[in-house]
PDB file of all heavy atoms in Angstrom:
ATOM      1  N   LEU A   1     280.464  47.956  82.437  1.00  0.00           N
ATOM      2  CA  LEU A   1     281.231  46.966  83.173  1.00  0.00           C
ATOM      3  C   LEU A   1     282.592  46.806  82.532  1.00  0.00           C
ATOM      4  O   LEU A   1     282.715  46.917  81.306  1.00  0.00           O
ATOM      5  CB  LEU A   1     280.534  45.609  83.197  1.00  0.00           C
ATOM      6  CG  LEU A   1     279.168  45.497  83.901  1.00  0.00           C
ATOM      7  CD1 LEU A   1     278.582  44.136  83.654  1.00  0.00           C
ATOM      8  CD2 LEU A   1     279.339  45.747  85.401  1.00  0.00           C
ATOM      9  N   ASN A   2     283.648  46.521  83.315  1.00  0.00           N
ATOM     10  CA  ASN A   2     284.901  46.113  82.714  1.00  0.00           C
ATOM     11  C   ASN A   2     284.969  44.609  82.682  1.00  0.00           C
ATOM     12  O   ASN A   2     283.984  43.927  82.938  1.00  0.00           O
ATOM     13  CB  ASN A   2     286.082  46.746  83.491  1.00  0.00           C
ATOM     14  CG  ASN A   2     286.160  46.264  84.925  1.00  0.00           C
ATOM     15  OD1 ASN A   2     285.564  45.244  85.300  1.00  0.00           O
ATOM     16  ND2 ASN A   2     286.866  47.011  85.751  1.00  0.00           N
ATOM     17  N   ASP A   3     286.124  44.059  82.346  1.00  0.00           N
ATOM     18  CA  ASP A   3     286.221  42.605  82.171  1.00  0.00           C
ATOM     19  C   ASP A   3     285.880  41.853  83.449  1.00  0.00           C
ATOM     20  O   ASP A   3     285.448  40.711  83.402  1.00  0.00           O
ATOM     21  CB  ASP A   3     287.648  42.226  81.724  1.00  0.00           C
ATOM     22  CG  ASP A   3     287.843  42.546  80.245  1.00  0.00           C
ATOM     23  OD1 ASP A   3     286.873  42.961  79.610  1.00  0.00           O
ATOM     24  OD2 ASP A   3     288.978  42.386  79.761  1.00  0.00           O
ATOM     25  N   GLU A   4     286.140  42.472  84.599  1.00  0.00           N
ATOM     26  CA  GLU A   4     285.871  41.821  85.872  1.00  0.00           C
ATOM     27  C   GLU A   4     284.426  42.088  86.328  1.00  0.00           C
ATOM     28  O   GLU A   4     284.048  41.698  87.426  1.00  0.00           O
ATOM     29  CB  GLU A   4     286.831  42.305  86.946  1.00  0.00           C
ATOM     30  CG  GLU A   4     288.276  41.851  86.758  1.00  0.00           C
ATOM     31  CD  GLU A   4     288.971  42.606  85.640  1.00  0.00           C
ATOM     32  OE1 GLU A   4     288.722  43.816  85.518  1.00  0.00           O
ATOM     33  OE2 GLU A   4     289.739  41.982  84.899  1.00  0.00           O
ATOM     34  N   GLY A   5     283.631  42.717  85.497  1.00  0.00           N
ATOM     35  CA  GLY A   5     282.262  43.032  85.885  1.00  0.00           C
ATOM     36  C   GLY A   5     282.217  44.109  86.958  1.00  0.00           C
ATOM     37  O   GLY A   5     281.333  44.148  87.789  1.00  0.00           O
ATOM     38  N   ASP A   6     283.178  45.026  86.914  1.00  0.00           N
ATOM     39  CA  ASP A   6     283.345  45.982  87.991  1.00  0.00           C
ATOM     40  C   ASP A   6     283.042  47.395  87.492  1.00  0.00           C
ATOM     41  O   ASP A   6     283.368  47.768  86.390  1.00  0.00           O
ATOM     42  CB  ASP A   6     284.789  45.914  88.510  1.00  0.00           C
ATOM     43  CG  ASP A   6     285.008  46.806  89.720  1.00  0.00           C
ATOM     44  OD1 ASP A   6     284.026  47.093  90.410  1.00  0.00           O
ATOM     45  OD2 ASP A   6     286.161  47.191  89.947  1.00  0.00           O
ATOM     46  N   THR A   7     282.412  48.178  88.330  1.00  0.00           N
ATOM     47  CA  THR A   7     282.228  49.619  88.058  1.00  0.00           C
ATOM     48  C   THR A   7     282.143  50.353  89.381  1.00  0.00           C
ATOM     49  O   THR A   7     281.686  49.803  90.372  1.00  0.00           O
ATOM     50  CB  THR A   7     280.952  49.861  87.221  1.00  0.00           C
ATOM     51  OG1 THR A   7     280.860  51.269  86.968  1.00  0.00           O
ATOM     52  CG2 THR A   7     279.699  49.416  87.919  1.00  0.00           C
ATOM     53  N   ARG A   8     282.627  51.602  89.412  1.00  0.00           N
ATOM     54  CA  ARG A   8     282.645  52.357  90.652  1.00  0.00           C
ATOM     55  C   ARG A   8     282.003  53.702  90.405  1.00  0.00           C
ATOM     56  O   ARG A   8     282.570  54.553  89.734  1.00  0.00           O
ATOM     57  CB  ARG A   8     284.082  52.561  91.151  1.00  0.00           C
ATOM     58  CG  ARG A   8     284.750  51.269  91.629  1.00  0.00           C
ATOM     59  CD  ARG A   8     286.083  51.623  92.287  1.00  0.00           C
ATOM     60  NE  ARG A   8     286.679  50.435  92.889  1.00  0.00           N
ATOM     61  CZ  ARG A   8     287.638  49.718  92.302  1.00  0.00           C
ATOM     62  NH1 ARG A   8     288.052  50.046  91.112  1.00  0.00           N
ATOM     63  NH2 ARG A   8     288.120  48.657  92.896  1.00  0.00           N
ATOM     64  N   ASP A   9     280.776  53.858  90.903  1.00  0.00           N
ATOM     65  CA  ASP A   9     280.101  55.163  90.904  1.00  0.00           C
ATOM     66  C   ASP A   9     280.127  55.821  89.534  1.00  0.00           C
ATOM     67  O   ASP A   9     280.533  56.948  89.374  1.00  0.00           O
ATOM     68  CB  ASP A   9     280.770  56.063  91.943  1.00  0.00           C
ATOM     69  CG  ASP A   9     279.977  57.342  92.162  1.00  0.00           C
ATOM     70  OD1 ASP A   9     278.764  57.321  91.954  1.00  0.00           O
ATOM     71  OD2 ASP A   9     280.586  58.373  92.513  1.00  0.00           O
ATOM     72  N   GLY A  10     279.670  55.086  88.511  1.00  0.00           N
ATOM     73  CA  GLY A  10     279.604  55.664  87.170  1.00  0.00           C
ATOM     74  C   GLY A  10     280.927  55.764  86.450  1.00  0.00           C
ATOM     75  O   GLY A  10     281.037  56.521  85.471  1.00  0.00           O
ATOM     76  N   LEU A  11     281.946  55.040  86.909  1.00  0.00           N
ATOM     77  CA  LEU A  11     283.252  55.035  86.274  1.00  0.00           C
ATOM     78  C   LEU A  11     283.726  53.605  86.074  1.00  0.00           C
ATOM     79  O   LEU A  11     283.493  52.727  86.914  1.00  0.00           O
ATOM     80  CB  LEU A  11     284.294  55.754  87.144  1.00  0.00           C
ATOM     81  CG  LEU A  11     284.292  57.279  87.173  1.00  0.00           C
ATOM     82  CD1 LEU A  11     285.274  57.766  88.247  1.00  0.00           C
ATOM     83  CD2 LEU A  11     284.669  57.864  85.819  1.00  0.00           C
ATOM     84  N   SER A  12     284.407  53.342  84.970  1.00  0.00           N
ATOM     85  CA  SER A  12     285.042  52.077  84.745  1.00  0.00           C
ATOM     86  C   SER A  12     286.261  52.301  83.863  1.00  0.00           C
ATOM     87  O   SER A  12     286.182  52.942  82.820  1.00  0.00           O
ATOM     88  CB  SER A  12     284.077  51.075  84.054  1.00  0.00           C
ATOM     89  OG  SER A  12     284.682  49.824  83.901  1.00  0.00           O
ATOM     90  N   VAL A  13     287.428  51.804  84.306  1.00  0.00           N
ATOM     91  CA  VAL A  13     288.666  51.965  83.549  1.00  0.00           C
ATOM     92  C   VAL A  13     289.343  50.600  83.442  1.00  0.00           C
ATOM     93  O   VAL A  13     289.390  49.847  84.433  1.00  0.00           O
ATOM     94  CB  VAL A  13     289.638  52.967  84.226  1.00  0.00           C
ATOM     95  CG1 VAL A  13     290.877  53.180  83.356  1.00  0.00           C
ATOM     96  CG2 VAL A  13     288.948  54.300  84.463  1.00  0.00           C
ATOM     97  N   ASP A  14     289.887  50.281  82.262  1.00  0.00           N
ATOM     98  CA  ASP A  14     290.434  48.957  82.065  1.00  0.00           C
ATOM     99  C   ASP A  14     291.533  48.998  81.006  1.00  0.00           C
ATOM    100  O   ASP A  14     291.616  49.936  80.205  1.00  0.00           O
ATOM    101  CB  ASP A  14     289.322  47.985  81.646  1.00  0.00           C
ATOM    102  CG  ASP A  14     289.625  46.558  82.041  1.00  0.00           C
ATOM    103  OD1 ASP A  14     290.683  46.295  82.607  1.00  0.00           O
ATOM    104  OD2 ASP A  14     288.793  45.703  81.759  1.00  0.00           O
ATOM    105  N   TYR A  15     292.373  47.961  81.023  1.00  0.00           N
ATOM    106  CA  TYR A  15     293.312  47.694  79.930  1.00  0.00           C
ATOM    107  C   TYR A  15     293.001  46.291  79.432  1.00  0.00           C
ATOM    108  O   TYR A  15     292.940  45.360  80.221  1.00  0.00           O
ATOM    109  CB  TYR A  15     294.758  47.779  80.399  1.00  0.00           C
ATOM    110  CG  TYR A  15     295.751  47.428  79.304  1.00  0.00           C
ATOM    111  CD1 TYR A  15     296.035  48.352  78.305  1.00  0.00           C
ATOM    112  CD2 TYR A  15     296.362  46.197  79.280  1.00  0.00           C
ATOM    113  CE1 TYR A  15     296.935  48.059  77.283  1.00  0.00           C
ATOM    114  CE2 TYR A  15     297.274  45.889  78.257  1.00  0.00           C
ATOM    115  CZ  TYR A  15     297.557  46.817  77.272  1.00  0.00           C
ATOM    116  OH  TYR A  15     298.430  46.499  76.274  1.00  0.00           O
ATOM    117  N   ARG A  16     292.793  46.145  78.127  1.00  0.00           N
ATOM    118  CA  ARG A  16     292.318  44.878  77.591  1.00  0.00           C
ATOM    119  C   ARG A  16     293.248  44.357  76.490  1.00  0.00           C
ATOM    120  O   ARG A  16     293.728  45.135  75.664  1.00  0.00           O
ATOM    121  CB  ARG A  16     290.898  45.017  77.018  1.00  0.00           C
ATOM    122  CG  ARG A  16     289.871  45.371  78.092  1.00  0.00           C
ATOM    123  CD  ARG A  16     288.495  45.542  77.498  1.00  0.00           C
ATOM    124  NE  ARG A  16     287.503  45.767  78.543  1.00  0.00           N
ATOM    125  CZ  ARG A  16     286.229  45.991  78.297  1.00  0.00           C
ATOM    126  NH1 ARG A  16     285.774  46.042  77.064  1.00  0.00           N
ATOM    127  NH2 ARG A  16     285.390  46.174  79.295  1.00  0.00           N
ATOM    128  N   GLU A  17     293.435  43.077  76.495  1.00  0.00           N
ATOM    129  CA  GLU A  17     294.118  42.364  75.433  1.00  0.00           C
ATOM    130  C   GLU A  17     293.125  41.340  74.877  1.00  0.00           C
ATOM    131  O   GLU A  17     292.738  40.419  75.603  1.00  0.00           O
ATOM    132  CB  GLU A  17     295.387  41.688  75.939  1.00  0.00           C
ATOM    133  CG  GLU A  17     296.430  42.679  76.457  1.00  0.00           C
ATOM    134  CD  GLU A  17     297.693  41.995  76.909  1.00  0.00           C
ATOM    135  OE1 GLU A  17     297.753  40.741  76.840  1.00  0.00           O
ATOM    136  OE2 GLU A  17     298.649  42.693  77.321  1.00  0.00           O
ATOM    137  N   VAL A  18     292.739  41.501  73.629  1.00  0.00           N
ATOM    138  CA  VAL A  18     291.657  40.697  73.081  1.00  0.00           C
ATOM    139  C   VAL A  18     292.072  40.059  71.771  1.00  0.00           C
ATOM    140  O   VAL A  18     292.547  40.732  70.860  1.00  0.00           O
ATOM    141  CB  VAL A  18     290.386  41.577  72.845  1.00  0.00           C
ATOM    142  CG1 VAL A  18     289.217  40.698  72.390  1.00  0.00           C
ATOM    143  CG2 VAL A  18     290.026  42.342  74.081  1.00  0.00           C
ATOM    144  N   ALA A  19     291.926  38.729  71.689  1.00  0.00           N
ATOM    145  CA  ALA A  19     292.226  37.989  70.482  1.00  0.00           C
ATOM    146  C   ALA A  19     290.986  37.856  69.612  1.00  0.00           C
ATOM    147  O   ALA A  19     289.850  38.114  70.076  1.00  0.00           O
ATOM    148  CB  ALA A  19     292.777  36.612  70.819  1.00  0.00           C
ATOM    149  N   SER A  20     291.162  37.465  68.376  1.00  0.00           N
ATOM    150  CA  SER A  20     290.046  37.401  67.428  1.00  0.00           C
ATOM    151  C   SER A  20     288.965  36.395  67.869  1.00  0.00           C
ATOM    152  O   SER A  20     287.809  36.528  67.506  1.00  0.00           O
ATOM    153  CB  SER A  20     290.549  37.025  66.043  1.00  0.00           C
ATOM    154  OG  SER A  20     291.232  35.780  66.064  1.00  0.00           O
ATOM    155  N   ASN A  21     289.331  35.389  68.657  1.00  0.00           N
ATOM    156  CA  ASN A  21     288.368  34.397  69.114  1.00  0.00           C
ATOM    157  C   ASN A  21     287.799  34.710  70.500  1.00  0.00           C
ATOM    158  O   ASN A  21     287.154  33.900  71.105  1.00  0.00           O
ATOM    159  CB  ASN A  21     289.008  33.004  69.146  1.00  0.00           C
ATOM    160  CG  ASN A  21     290.217  32.940  70.091  1.00  0.00           C
ATOM    161  OD1 ASN A  21     290.679  33.962  70.557  1.00  0.00           O
ATOM    162  ND2 ASN A  21     290.699  31.727  70.330  1.00  0.00           N
ATOM    163  N   ASN A  22     288.066  35.924  70.995  1.00  0.00           N
ATOM    164  CA  ASN A  22     287.580  36.310  72.305  1.00  0.00           C
ATOM    165  C   ASN A  22     286.249  37.060  72.149  1.00  0.00           C
ATOM    166  O   ASN A  22     286.094  37.889  71.255  1.00  0.00           O
ATOM    167  CB  ASN A  22     288.607  37.210  72.993  1.00  0.00           C
ATOM    168  CG  ASN A  22     288.333  37.434  74.459  1.00  0.00           C
ATOM    169  OD1 ASN A  22     287.283  37.924  74.822  1.00  0.00           O
ATOM    170  ND2 ASN A  22     289.261  37.043  75.298  1.00  0.00           N
ATOM    171  N   VAL A  23     285.303  36.800  73.030  1.00  0.00           N
ATOM    172  CA  VAL A  23     283.968  37.384  72.901  1.00  0.00           C
ATOM    173  C   VAL A  23     283.855  38.745  73.594  1.00  0.00           C
ATOM    174  O   VAL A  23     282.794  39.338  73.601  1.00  0.00           O
ATOM    175  CB  VAL A  23     282.882  36.444  73.510  1.00  0.00           C
ATOM    176  CG1 VAL A  23     282.830  35.157  72.734  1.00  0.00           C
ATOM    177  CG2 VAL A  23     283.143  36.207  74.995  1.00  0.00           C
ATOM    178  N   VAL A  24     284.952  39.266  74.180  1.00  0.00           N
ATOM    179  CA  VAL A  24     284.866  40.539  74.863  1.00  0.00           C
ATOM    180  C   VAL A  24     284.464  41.652  73.939  1.00  0.00           C
ATOM    181  O   VAL A  24     283.660  42.502  74.258  1.00  0.00           O
ATOM    182  CB  VAL A  24     286.213  40.867  75.565  1.00  0.00           C
ATOM    183  CG1 VAL A  24     286.175  42.267  76.132  1.00  0.00           C
ATOM    184  CG2 VAL A  24     286.476  39.860  76.674  1.00  0.00           C
ATOM    185  N   LEU A  25     285.025  41.653  72.734  1.00  0.00           N
ATOM    186  CA  LEU A  25     284.639  42.647  71.736  1.00  0.00           C
ATOM    187  C   LEU A  25     283.509  42.094  70.904  1.00  0.00           C
ATOM    188  O   LEU A  25     283.636  41.046  70.299  1.00  0.00           O
ATOM    189  CB  LEU A  25     285.816  43.026  70.846  1.00  0.00           C
ATOM    190  CG  LEU A  25     286.914  43.853  71.482  1.00  0.00           C
ATOM    191  CD1 LEU A  25     287.928  44.232  70.434  1.00  0.00           C
ATOM    192  CD2 LEU A  25     286.370  45.073  72.154  1.00  0.00           C
TER     193      LEU A  25
END
């Protein structure tokens, strides 16, 4: 999944900006 919870047919592409207090990583 990408940040938007999106995936297309076994593919997911994203650009992310993540701070130290962000739970994405």
